[in-house]
PDB file of N, CA and C in Angstrom:
ATOM      1  N   MET A   1     142.318 100.569 117.625  1.00  0.00           N
ATOM      2  CA  MET A   1     142.170 101.580 116.885  1.00  0.00           C
ATOM      3  C   MET A   1     140.971 101.172 116.914  1.00  0.00           C
ATOM      4  N   GLU A   2     139.199 102.530 117.456  1.00  0.00           N
ATOM      5  CA  GLU A   2     137.956 102.574 117.491  1.00  0.00           C
ATOM      6  C   GLU A   2     137.657 103.244 116.739  1.00  0.00           C
ATOM      7  N   PHE A   3     136.526 103.005 115.858  1.00  0.00           N
ATOM      8  CA  PHE A   3     135.659 104.342 115.178  1.00  0.00           C
ATOM      9  C   PHE A   3     134.079 104.049 116.155  1.00  0.00           C
ATOM     10  N   THR A   4     134.024 105.486 116.595  1.00  0.00           N
ATOM     11  CA  THR A   4     132.188 105.906 117.115  1.00  0.00           C
ATOM     12  C   THR A   4     131.094 106.379 116.418  1.00  0.00           C
ATOM     13  N   ASN A   5     129.484 105.933 116.145  1.00  0.00           N
ATOM     14  CA  ASN A   5     129.039 106.123 115.594  1.00  0.00           C
ATOM     15  C   ASN A   5     129.080 105.515 114.347  1.00  0.00           C
ATOM     16  N   ALA A   6     129.998 105.466 113.935  1.00  0.00           N
ATOM     17  CA  ALA A   6     130.477 104.590 112.182  1.00  0.00           C
ATOM     18  C   ALA A   6     130.044 103.556 111.213  1.00  0.00           C
ATOM     19  N   THR A   7     129.429 103.450 110.772  1.00  0.00           N
ATOM     20  CA  THR A   7     128.411 103.542 109.222  1.00  0.00           C
ATOM     21  C   THR A   7     129.432 102.163 108.775  1.00  0.00           C
ATOM     22  N   ILE A   8     128.851 101.015 109.368  1.00  0.00           N
ATOM     23  CA  ILE A   8     129.704  99.421 108.296  1.00  0.00           C
ATOM     24  C   ILE A   8     128.519  98.976 107.644  1.00  0.00           C
ATOM     25  N   ARG A   9     129.365  99.057 105.588  1.00  0.00           N
ATOM     26  CA  ARG A   9     128.347  98.072 105.103  1.00  0.00           C
ATOM     27  C   ARG A   9     128.127  97.089 104.945  1.00  0.00           C
ATOM     28  N   HIS A  10     127.172  96.485 105.211  1.00  0.00           N
ATOM     29  CA  HIS A  10     127.287  94.515 104.702  1.00  0.00           C
ATOM     30  C   HIS A  10     128.639  93.385 103.993  1.00  0.00           C
ATOM     31  N   LYS A  11     127.977  93.994 103.151  1.00  0.00           N
ATOM     32  CA  LYS A  11     128.322  93.636 101.699  1.00  0.00           C
ATOM     33  C   LYS A  11     130.018  93.192 101.417  1.00  0.00           C
ATOM     34  N   ALA A  12     130.736  92.464 101.479  1.00  0.00           N
ATOM     35  CA  ALA A  12     131.925  92.008 101.809  1.00  0.00           C
ATOM     36  C   ALA A  12     132.075  92.750 100.868  1.00  0.00           C
ATOM     37  N   ASN A  13     134.110  92.725 100.674  1.00  0.00           N
ATOM     38  CA  ASN A  13     134.410  92.973  99.697  1.00  0.00           C
ATOM     39  C   ASN A  13     135.714  92.426  99.312  1.00  0.00           C
ATOM     40  N   VAL A  14     135.831  91.134  98.276  1.00  0.00           N
ATOM     41  CA  VAL A  14     136.272  90.682  97.835  1.00  0.00           C
ATOM     42  C   VAL A  14     137.244  90.129  96.956  1.00  0.00           C
ATOM     43  N   TYR A  15     138.701  90.574  96.837  1.00  0.00           N
ATOM     44  CA  TYR A  15     139.588  90.421  96.448  1.00  0.00           C
ATOM     45  C   TYR A  15     140.487  89.258  97.022  1.00  0.00           C
ATOM     46  N   HIS A  16     140.838  88.635  95.040  1.00  0.00           N
ATOM     47  CA  HIS A  16     141.769  87.380  94.216  1.00  0.00           C
ATOM     48  C   HIS A  16     141.401  85.924  95.343  1.00  0.00           C
ATOM     49  N   GLU A  17     140.568  85.823  94.783  1.00  0.00           N
ATOM     50  CA  GLU A  17     139.667  84.301  95.021  1.00  0.00           C
ATOM     51  C   GLU A  17     139.493  83.703  96.379  1.00  0.00           C
ATOM     52  N   GLY A  18     139.033  85.232  97.554  1.00  0.00           N
ATOM     53  CA  GLY A  18     138.497  84.792  98.452  1.00  0.00           C
ATOM     54  C   GLY A  18     140.133  85.319  99.745  1.00  0.00           C
ATOM     55  N   ARG A  19     140.299  85.906  99.149  1.00  0.00           N
ATOM     56  CA  ARG A  19     142.480  85.970  99.429  1.00  0.00           C
ATOM     57  C   ARG A  19     142.076  86.842 100.429  1.00  0.00           C
ATOM     58  N   VAL A  20     141.647  88.148  99.777  1.00  0.00           N
ATOM     59  CA  VAL A  20     141.704  89.457 101.031  1.00  0.00           C
ATOM     60  C   VAL A  20     140.226  89.459 100.520  1.00  0.00           C
ATOM     61  N   THR A  21     139.674  89.846 102.132  1.00  0.00           N
ATOM     62  CA  THR A  21     138.257  90.611 102.097  1.00  0.00           C
ATOM     63  C   THR A  21     138.498  91.233 102.992  1.00  0.00           C
ATOM     64  N   SER A  22     138.098  92.101 103.107  1.00  0.00           N
ATOM     65  CA  SER A  22     137.392  93.824 104.094  1.00  0.00           C
ATOM     66  C   SER A  22     136.123  94.431 103.422  1.00  0.00           C
ATOM     67  N   ARG A  23     135.443  95.395 105.099  1.00  0.00           N
ATOM     68  CA  ARG A  23     134.283  95.286 105.208  1.00  0.00           C
ATOM     69  C   ARG A  23     134.096  97.502 104.925  1.00  0.00           C
ATOM     70  N   THR A  24     133.974  98.224 104.453  1.00  0.00           N
ATOM     71  CA  THR A  24     133.742  99.701 104.300  1.00  0.00           C
ATOM     72  C   THR A  24     132.993 100.483 105.637  1.00  0.00           C
ATOM     73  N   VAL A  25     133.251 101.099 105.791  1.00  0.00           N
ATOM     74  CA  VAL A  25     133.690 101.655 107.879  1.00  0.00           C
ATOM     75  C   VAL A  25     133.427 103.344 107.171  1.00  0.00           C
ATOM     76  N   VAL A  26     132.132 103.668 106.999  1.00  0.00           N
ATOM     77  CA  VAL A  26     132.241 105.776 107.186  1.00  0.00           C
ATOM     78  C   VAL A  26     132.193 105.969 108.151  1.00  0.00           C
ATOM     79  N   THR A  27     132.676 107.020 108.781  1.00  0.00           N
ATOM     80  CA  THR A  27     133.103 107.360 109.680  1.00  0.00           C
ATOM     81  C   THR A  27     131.885 108.125 110.004  1.00  0.00           C
ATOM     82  N   ALA A  28     131.563 108.991 111.402  1.00  0.00           N
ATOM     83  CA  ALA A  28     130.591 110.790 111.754  1.00  0.00           C
ATOM     84  C   ALA A  28     131.137 111.373 111.218  1.00  0.00           C
ATOM     85  N   GLU A  29     132.606 111.504 110.555  1.00  0.00           N
ATOM     86  CA  GLU A  29     132.842 112.089 109.826  1.00  0.00           C
ATOM     87  C   GLU A  29     132.838 112.748 108.232  1.00  0.00           C
ATOM     88  N   GLY A  30     132.671 111.308 107.835  1.00  0.00           N
ATOM     89  CA  GLY A  30     132.713 110.683 107.142  1.00  0.00           C
ATOM     90  C   GLY A  30     133.728 110.214 105.895  1.00  0.00           C
ATOM     91  N   GLU A  31     134.492 109.986 106.937  1.00  0.00           N
ATOM     92  CA  GLU A  31     135.887 109.246 106.047  1.00  0.00           C
ATOM     93  C   GLU A  31     135.433 107.827 106.116  1.00  0.00           C
ATOM     94  N   MET A  32     136.242 107.884 104.714  1.00  0.00           N
ATOM     95  CA  MET A  32     135.902 106.387 104.272  1.00  0.00           C
ATOM     96  C   MET A  32     136.699 105.120 104.505  1.00  0.00           C
ATOM     97  N   LYS A  33     136.953 104.148 105.349  1.00  0.00           N
ATOM     98  CA  LYS A  33     137.832 102.638 105.426  1.00  0.00           C
ATOM     99  C   LYS A  33     137.576 102.087 105.288  1.00  0.00           C
ATOM    100  N   THR A  34     138.503 101.156 104.312  1.00  0.00           N
ATOM    101  CA  THR A  34     138.088  99.730 104.970  1.00  0.00           C
ATOM    102  C   THR A  34     138.578  98.591 105.952  1.00  0.00           C
ATOM    103  N   LEU A  35     138.258  97.540 106.307  1.00  0.00           N
ATOM    104  CA  LEU A  35     138.785  96.786 107.781  1.00  0.00           C
ATOM    105  C   LEU A  35     138.760  95.435 107.231  1.00  0.00           C
ATOM    106  N   GLY A  36     140.461  94.903 106.926  1.00  0.00           N
ATOM    107  CA  GLY A  36     140.769  94.170 105.897  1.00  0.00           C
ATOM    108  C   GLY A  36     141.022  92.801 107.237  1.00  0.00           C
ATOM    109  N   VAL A  37     141.524  91.527 106.057  1.00  0.00           N
ATOM    110  CA  VAL A  37     141.890  90.357 106.020  1.00  0.00           C
ATOM    111  C   VAL A  37     143.129  90.283 104.680  1.00  0.00           C
ATOM    112  N   MET A  38     143.956  89.765 104.864  1.00  0.00           N
ATOM    113  CA  MET A  38     144.755  89.315 103.572  1.00  0.00           C
ATOM    114  C   MET A  38     145.062  87.649 104.034  1.00  0.00           C
ATOM    115  N   LEU A  39     145.017  86.596 102.922  1.00  0.00           N
ATOM    116  CA  LEU A  39     145.571  85.689 103.599  1.00  0.00           C
ATOM    117  C   LEU A  39     147.053  85.886 102.484  1.00  0.00           C
ATOM    118  N   PRO A  40     148.537  84.428 103.054  1.00  0.00           N
ATOM    119  CA  PRO A  40     149.300  85.226 102.510  1.00  0.00           C
ATOM    120  C   PRO A  40     149.001  84.324 101.105  1.00  0.00           C
ATOM    121  N   GLY A  41     150.039  84.973 100.543  1.00  0.00           N
ATOM    122  CA  GLY A  41     150.854  85.622  99.079  1.00  0.00           C
ATOM    123  C   GLY A  41     150.817  86.487  98.161  1.00  0.00           C
ATOM    124  N   THR A  42     150.911  86.347  97.253  1.00  0.00           N
ATOM    125  CA  THR A  42     151.727  88.145  96.298  1.00  0.00           C
ATOM    126  C   THR A  42     150.421  88.572  95.911  1.00  0.00           C
ATOM    127  N   TYR A  43     149.743  89.637  95.815  1.00  0.00           N
ATOM    128  CA  TYR A  43     148.452  90.423  95.240  1.00  0.00           C
ATOM    129  C   TYR A  43     149.184  91.899  94.648  1.00  0.00           C
ATOM    130  N   ARG A  44     147.601  92.601  93.851  1.00  0.00           N
ATOM    131  CA  ARG A  44     148.384  93.207  93.233  1.00  0.00           C
ATOM    132  C   ARG A  44     147.028  94.186  93.326  1.00  0.00           C
ATOM    133  N   PHE A  45     147.072  95.663  93.496  1.00  0.00           N
ATOM    134  CA  PHE A  45     145.879  96.554  94.309  1.00  0.00           C
ATOM    135  C   PHE A  45     146.364  97.413  93.163  1.00  0.00           C
ATOM    136  N   SER A  46     144.951  97.859  92.877  1.00  0.00           N
ATOM    137  CA  SER A  46     144.875 100.093  91.636  1.00  0.00           C
ATOM    138  C   SER A  46     144.249 100.457  92.899  1.00  0.00           C
ATOM    139  N   THR A  47     144.984 102.009  93.084  1.00  0.00           N
ATOM    140  CA  THR A  47     144.479 102.849  93.745  1.00  0.00           C
ATOM    141  C   THR A  47     143.430 103.512  92.737  1.00  0.00           C
ATOM    142  N   GLN A  48     142.248 104.431  93.271  1.00  0.00           N
ATOM    143  CA  GLN A  48     141.706 105.906  93.623  1.00  0.00           C
ATOM    144  C   GLN A  48     142.081 106.712  93.645  1.00  0.00           C
ATOM    145  N   ALA A  49     141.993 106.887  95.219  1.00  0.00           N
ATOM    146  CA  ALA A  49     142.081 107.484  95.436  1.00  0.00           C
ATOM    147  C   ALA A  49     143.348 107.065  96.872  1.00  0.00           C
ATOM    148  N   ALA A  50     143.898 107.752  96.910  1.00  0.00           N
ATOM    149  CA  ALA A  50     145.523 107.608  97.642  1.00  0.00           C
ATOM    150  C   ALA A  50     145.080 107.194  98.505  1.00  0.00           C
ATOM    151  N   GLU A  51     145.724 105.961  99.423  1.00  0.00           N
ATOM    152  CA  GLU A  51     145.435 105.789 100.784  1.00  0.00           C
ATOM    153  C   GLU A  51     146.712 104.975 101.594  1.00  0.00           C
ATOM    154  N   THR A  52     145.782 105.446 103.298  1.00  0.00           N
ATOM    155  CA  THR A  52     147.135 104.612 104.220  1.00  0.00           C
ATOM    156  C   THR A  52     146.970 103.572 104.074  1.00  0.00           C
ATOM    157  N   VAL A  53     147.648 102.479 104.712  1.00  0.00           N
ATOM    158  CA  VAL A  53     147.288 101.212 105.079  1.00  0.00           C
ATOM    159  C   VAL A  53     148.039 100.990 106.104  1.00  0.00           C
ATOM    160  N   ASP A  54     147.143 101.527 107.416  1.00  0.00           N
ATOM    161  CA  ASP A  54     147.798 100.185 109.084  1.00  0.00           C
ATOM    162  C   ASP A  54     148.274  99.074 109.213  1.00  0.00           C
ATOM    163  N   ILE A  55     148.757  98.683 109.137  1.00  0.00           N
ATOM    164  CA  ILE A  55     148.945  96.861 109.691  1.00  0.00           C
ATOM    165  C   ILE A  55     149.199  96.794 111.279  1.00  0.00           C
ATOM    166  N   LEU A  56     148.157  96.240 111.503  1.00  0.00           N
ATOM    167  CA  LEU A  56     147.588  95.829 112.809  1.00  0.00           C
ATOM    168  C   LEU A  56     148.324  94.633 112.793  1.00  0.00           C
ATOM    169  N   GLN A  57     148.546  93.790 111.728  1.00  0.00           N
ATOM    170  CA  GLN A  57     148.738  92.742 112.328  1.00  0.00           C
ATOM    171  C   GLN A  57     149.051  91.781 111.151  1.00  0.00           C
ATOM    172  N   GLY A  58     150.725  90.754 110.931  1.00  0.00           N
ATOM    173  CA  GLY A  58     151.569  90.164 110.588  1.00  0.00           C
ATOM    174  C   GLY A  58     152.321  90.904 109.800  1.00  0.00           C
ATOM    175  N   HIS A  59     152.871  89.966 108.790  1.00  0.00           N
ATOM    176  CA  HIS A  59     154.382  90.634 107.938  1.00  0.00           C
ATOM    177  C   HIS A  59     153.922  90.598 106.742  1.00  0.00           C
ATOM    178  N   CYS A  60     154.571  92.358 106.282  1.00  0.00           N
ATOM    179  CA  CYS A  60     154.245  91.733 104.446  1.00  0.00           C
ATOM    180  C   CYS A  60     155.311  92.420 104.175  1.00  0.00           C
ATOM    181  N   ARG A  61     155.740  92.719 102.627  1.00  0.00           N
ATOM    182  CA  ARG A  61     156.681  93.480 102.075  1.00  0.00           C
ATOM    183  C   ARG A  61     155.903  94.214 100.881  1.00  0.00           C
ATOM    184  N   VAL A  62     155.642  95.764 100.208  1.00  0.00           N
ATOM    185  CA  VAL A  62     154.819  96.311  99.723  1.00  0.00           C
ATOM    186  C   VAL A  62     156.436  96.673  98.673  1.00  0.00           C
ATOM    187  N   LYS A  63     156.345  97.327  97.867  1.00  0.00           N
ATOM    188  CA  LYS A  63     157.042  97.131  96.681  1.00  0.00           C
ATOM    189  C   LYS A  63     156.019  97.926  95.346  1.00  0.00           C
ATOM    190  N   GLN A  64     156.082  99.012  95.970  1.00  0.00           N
ATOM    191  CA  GLN A  64     155.029 100.490  94.883  1.00  0.00           C
ATOM    192  C   GLN A  64     155.462 100.210  93.754  1.00  0.00           C
ATOM    193  N   ALA A  65     154.401 100.505  92.550  1.00  0.00           N
ATOM    194  CA  ALA A  65     154.678 100.511  91.060  1.00  0.00           C
ATOM    195  C   ALA A  65     155.608 101.961  91.111  1.00  0.00           C
ATOM    196  N   THR A  66     156.691 102.588  91.307  1.00  0.00           N
ATOM    197  CA  THR A  66     157.646 103.780  90.781  1.00  0.00           C
ATOM    198  C   THR A  66     158.954 103.464  91.647  1.00  0.00           C
ATOM    199  N   GLU A  67     158.372 102.058  91.794  1.00  0.00           N
ATOM    200  CA  GLU A  67     159.828 102.091  93.001  1.00  0.00           C
ATOM    201  C   GLU A  67     160.364 100.480  92.968  1.00  0.00           C
ATOM    202  N   GLN A  68     161.304 100.082  92.871  1.00  0.00           N
ATOM    203  CA  GLN A  68     162.014  98.764  92.105  1.00  0.00           C
ATOM    204  C   GLN A  68     162.245  97.602  93.434  1.00  0.00           C
ATOM    205  N   ALA A  69     162.251  99.027  94.994  1.00  0.00           N
ATOM    206  CA  ALA A  69     162.696  97.690  95.699  1.00  0.00           C
ATOM    207  C   ALA A  69     161.162  97.640  97.018  1.00  0.00           C
ATOM    208  N   TRP A  70     161.147  96.200  97.326  1.00  0.00           N
ATOM    209  CA  TRP A  70     159.582  95.304  98.626  1.00  0.00           C
ATOM    210  C   TRP A  70     160.823  96.355  99.741  1.00  0.00           C
ATOM    211  N   ILE A  71     159.407  96.819 100.299  1.00  0.00           N
ATOM    212  CA  ILE A  71     159.749  96.976 101.729  1.00  0.00           C
ATOM    213  C   ILE A  71     159.406  96.799 102.340  1.00  0.00           C
ATOM    214  N   PRO A  72     159.799  96.247 104.279  1.00  0.00           N
ATOM    215  CA  PRO A  72     158.919  95.145 104.835  1.00  0.00           C
ATOM    216  C   PRO A  72     157.785  95.932 105.356  1.00  0.00           C
ATOM    217  N   TYR A  73     156.687  95.607 106.121  1.00  0.00           N
ATOM    218  CA  TYR A  73     156.297  96.223 107.404  1.00  0.00           C
ATOM    219  C   TYR A  73     155.725  95.204 108.263  1.00  0.00           C
ATOM    220  N   GLN A  74     155.514  95.598 109.396  1.00  0.00           N
ATOM    221  CA  GLN A  74     155.109  95.267 110.058  1.00  0.00           C
ATOM    222  C   GLN A  74     153.369  95.544 111.480  1.00  0.00           C
ATOM    223  N   ALA A  75     153.187  94.590 112.308  1.00  0.00           N
ATOM    224  CA  ALA A  75     151.764  95.239 112.755  1.00  0.00           C
ATOM    225  C   ALA A  75     152.556  96.062 113.357  1.00  0.00           C
ATOM    226  N   GLY A  76     151.872  97.807 114.121  1.00  0.00           N
ATOM    227  CA  GLY A  76     152.375  98.560 114.179  1.00  0.00           C
ATOM    228  C   GLY A  76     152.824  99.891 112.941  1.00  0.00           C
ATOM    229  N   ASP A  77     152.672  99.361 111.786  1.00  0.00           N
ATOM    230  CA  ASP A  77     153.732 100.233 110.274  1.00  0.00           C
ATOM    231  C   ASP A  77     152.357 100.762 110.040  1.00  0.00           C
ATOM    232  N   ARG A  78     152.804 101.969 108.692  1.00  0.00           N
ATOM    233  CA  ARG A  78     151.614 101.464 108.622  1.00  0.00           C
ATOM    234  C   ARG A  78     152.376 102.265 106.790  1.00  0.00           C
ATOM    235  N   PHE A  79     151.246 102.415 104.725  1.00  0.00           N
ATOM    236  CA  PHE A  79     152.530 103.104 104.282  1.00  0.00           C
ATOM    237  C   PHE A  79     151.606 103.326 103.429  1.00  0.00           C
ATOM    238  N   SER A  80     151.338 104.353 102.714  1.00  0.00           N
ATOM    239  CA  SER A  80     151.007 105.223 101.582  1.00  0.00           C
ATOM    240  C   SER A  80     151.133 104.971 100.515  1.00  0.00           C
ATOM    241  N   VAL A  81     149.581 104.953  99.245  1.00  0.00           N
ATOM    242  CA  VAL A  81     149.977 104.857  98.084  1.00  0.00           C
ATOM    243  C   VAL A  81     149.117 105.839  97.559  1.00  0.00           C
ATOM    244  N   PRO A  82     149.995 106.390  96.636  1.00  0.00           N
ATOM    245  CA  PRO A  82     149.625 107.671  95.932  1.00  0.00           C
ATOM    246  C   PRO A  82     148.080 107.217  95.023  1.00  0.00           C
ATOM    247  N   ALA A  83     147.470 108.357  94.621  1.00  0.00           N
ATOM    248  CA  ALA A  83     145.684 108.189  94.025  1.00  0.00           C
ATOM    249  C   ALA A  83     146.041 107.740  92.437  1.00  0.00           C
ATOM    250  N   ASP A  84     145.411 107.186  91.348  1.00  0.00           N
ATOM    251  CA  ASP A  84     146.396 106.445  90.322  1.00  0.00           C
ATOM    252  C   ASP A  84     147.000 105.480  90.057  1.00  0.00           C
ATOM    253  N   SER A  85     147.235 104.920  91.280  1.00  0.00           N
ATOM    254  CA  SER A  85     148.319 104.332  91.203  1.00  0.00           C
ATOM    255  C   SER A  85     148.669 102.934  91.302  1.00  0.00           C
ATOM    256  N   GLN A  86     149.981 101.929  91.319  1.00  0.00           N
ATOM    257  CA  GLN A  86     149.190 100.838  91.950  1.00  0.00           C
ATOM    258  C   GLN A  86     150.346 100.181  93.017  1.00  0.00           C
ATOM    259  N   PHE A  87     150.065  99.198  93.658  1.00  0.00           N
ATOM    260  CA  PHE A  87     151.182  98.278  94.298  1.00  0.00           C
ATOM    261  C   PHE A  87     150.681  96.903  94.442  1.00  0.00           C
ATOM    262  N   GLU A  88     151.589  96.436  95.291  1.00  0.00           N
ATOM    263  CA  GLU A  88     152.522  94.937  95.107  1.00  0.00           C
ATOM    264  C   GLU A  88     152.478  94.274  96.333  1.00  0.00           C
ATOM    265  N   ILE A  89     152.137  93.331  97.106  1.00  0.00           N
ATOM    266  CA  ILE A  89     152.486  93.303  98.474  1.00  0.00           C
ATOM    267  C   ILE A  89     152.163  92.101  98.726  1.00  0.00           C
ATOM    268  N   GLU A  90     153.645  91.318  98.794  1.00  0.00           N
ATOM    269  CA  GLU A  90     153.533  89.757  99.575  1.00  0.00           C
ATOM    270  C   GLU A  90     153.535  89.075 101.167  1.00  0.00           C
ATOM    271  N   VAL A  91     152.254  89.176 101.443  1.00  0.00           N
ATOM    272  CA  VAL A  91     152.115  88.492 102.735  1.00  0.00           C
ATOM    273  C   VAL A  91     152.864  87.309 103.482  1.00  0.00           C
ATOM    274  N   ASP A  92     153.452  87.517 104.184  1.00  0.00           N
ATOM    275  CA  ASP A  92     154.006  86.510 105.164  1.00  0.00           C
ATOM    276  C   ASP A  92     153.374  85.777 105.737  1.00  0.00           C
ATOM    277  N   ASP A  93     151.690  85.969 106.487  1.00  0.00           N
ATOM    278  CA  ASP A  93     151.091  85.805 107.575  1.00  0.00           C
ATOM    279  C   ASP A  93     149.957  86.065 106.934  1.00  0.00           C
ATOM    280  N   LEU A  94     149.088  86.211 108.454  1.00  0.00           N
ATOM    281  CA  LEU A  94     148.581  86.744 108.175  1.00  0.00           C
ATOM    282  C   LEU A  94     148.070  88.054 108.194  1.00  0.00           C
ATOM    283  N   ILE A  95     147.209  88.724 107.780  1.00  0.00           N
ATOM    284  CA  ILE A  95     147.284  90.695 107.287  1.00  0.00           C
ATOM    285  C   ILE A  95     145.865  90.943 108.287  1.00  0.00           C
ATOM    286  N   ASP A  96     145.962  91.702 109.174  1.00  0.00           N
ATOM    287  CA  ASP A  96     145.064  92.306 109.514  1.00  0.00           C
ATOM    288  C   ASP A  96     145.513  93.664 109.427  1.00  0.00           C
ATOM    289  N   TYR A  97     144.291  94.656 108.977  1.00  0.00           N
ATOM    290  CA  TYR A  97     144.765  96.099 108.414  1.00  0.00           C
ATOM    291  C   TYR A  97     143.603  97.312 108.390  1.00  0.00           C
ATOM    292  N   VAL A  98     143.668  98.366 109.007  1.00  0.00           N
ATOM    293  CA  VAL A  98     142.399  99.245 108.645  1.00  0.00           C
ATOM    294  C   VAL A  98     143.928  99.679 106.919  1.00  0.00           C
ATOM    295  N   CYS A  99     142.627 100.147 106.385  1.00  0.00           N
ATOM    296  CA  CYS A  99     143.001 101.220 104.928  1.00  0.00           C
ATOM    297  C   CYS A  99     141.268 102.687 105.319  1.00  0.00           C
ATOM    298  N   HIS A 100     142.898 103.789 105.081  1.00  0.00           N
ATOM    299  CA  HIS A 100     142.467 105.055 105.639  1.00  0.00           C
ATOM    300  C   HIS A 100     142.553 106.443 103.660  1.00  0.00           C
ATOM    301  N   TYR A 101     141.288 106.413 103.680  1.00  0.00           N
ATOM    302  CA  TYR A 101     141.254 106.626 101.891  1.00  0.00           C
ATOM    303  C   TYR A 101     141.342 108.459 102.027  1.00  0.00           C
ATOM    304  N   GLU A 102     141.579 108.806 101.347  1.00  0.00           N
ATOM    305  CA  GLU A 102     142.069 110.443 101.485  1.00  0.00           C
ATOM    306  C   GLU A 102     140.135 111.034 100.265  1.00  0.00           C
ATOM    307  N   GLU A 103     139.600 110.335 100.410  1.00  0.00           N
ATOM    308  CA  GLU A 103     138.631 110.638  99.619  1.00  0.00           C
ATOM    309  C   GLU A 103     137.771 110.170  99.045  1.00  0.00           C
ATOM    310  N   SER A 104     136.534 109.757  98.832  1.00  0.00           N
ATOM    311  CA  SER A 104     135.404 109.010  98.884  1.00  0.00           C
ATOM    312  C   SER A 104     136.004 108.429  97.099  1.00  0.00           C
ATOM    313  N   VAL A 105     136.263 106.284  97.355  1.00  0.00           N
ATOM    314  CA  VAL A 105     136.447 105.903  96.328  1.00  0.00           C
ATOM    315  C   VAL A 105     135.476 105.264  95.694  1.00  0.00           C
TER     316      VAL A 105
END
């Protein structure tokens, strides 16, 4: 995945005591994305905008706020989360990911 003529915001987004970090990228077309890393652990996130997460490396399980089951994902997979929602993610080994937002957050 490559972003040409993109702007990268220097300040890191740091969550869960530094175990999840990302950088915000704004593409030439104005699309907002984050490129990040999650260390092994279990995390809960809330969404403002709808988002789609591409797993570039690693393995995890995700449970959406409206679901009871954990769904496994690995490198090459993606999952989507609706706006104004929550999800939990269990990370087995380091996850490298890209998060695509449907609107600016």
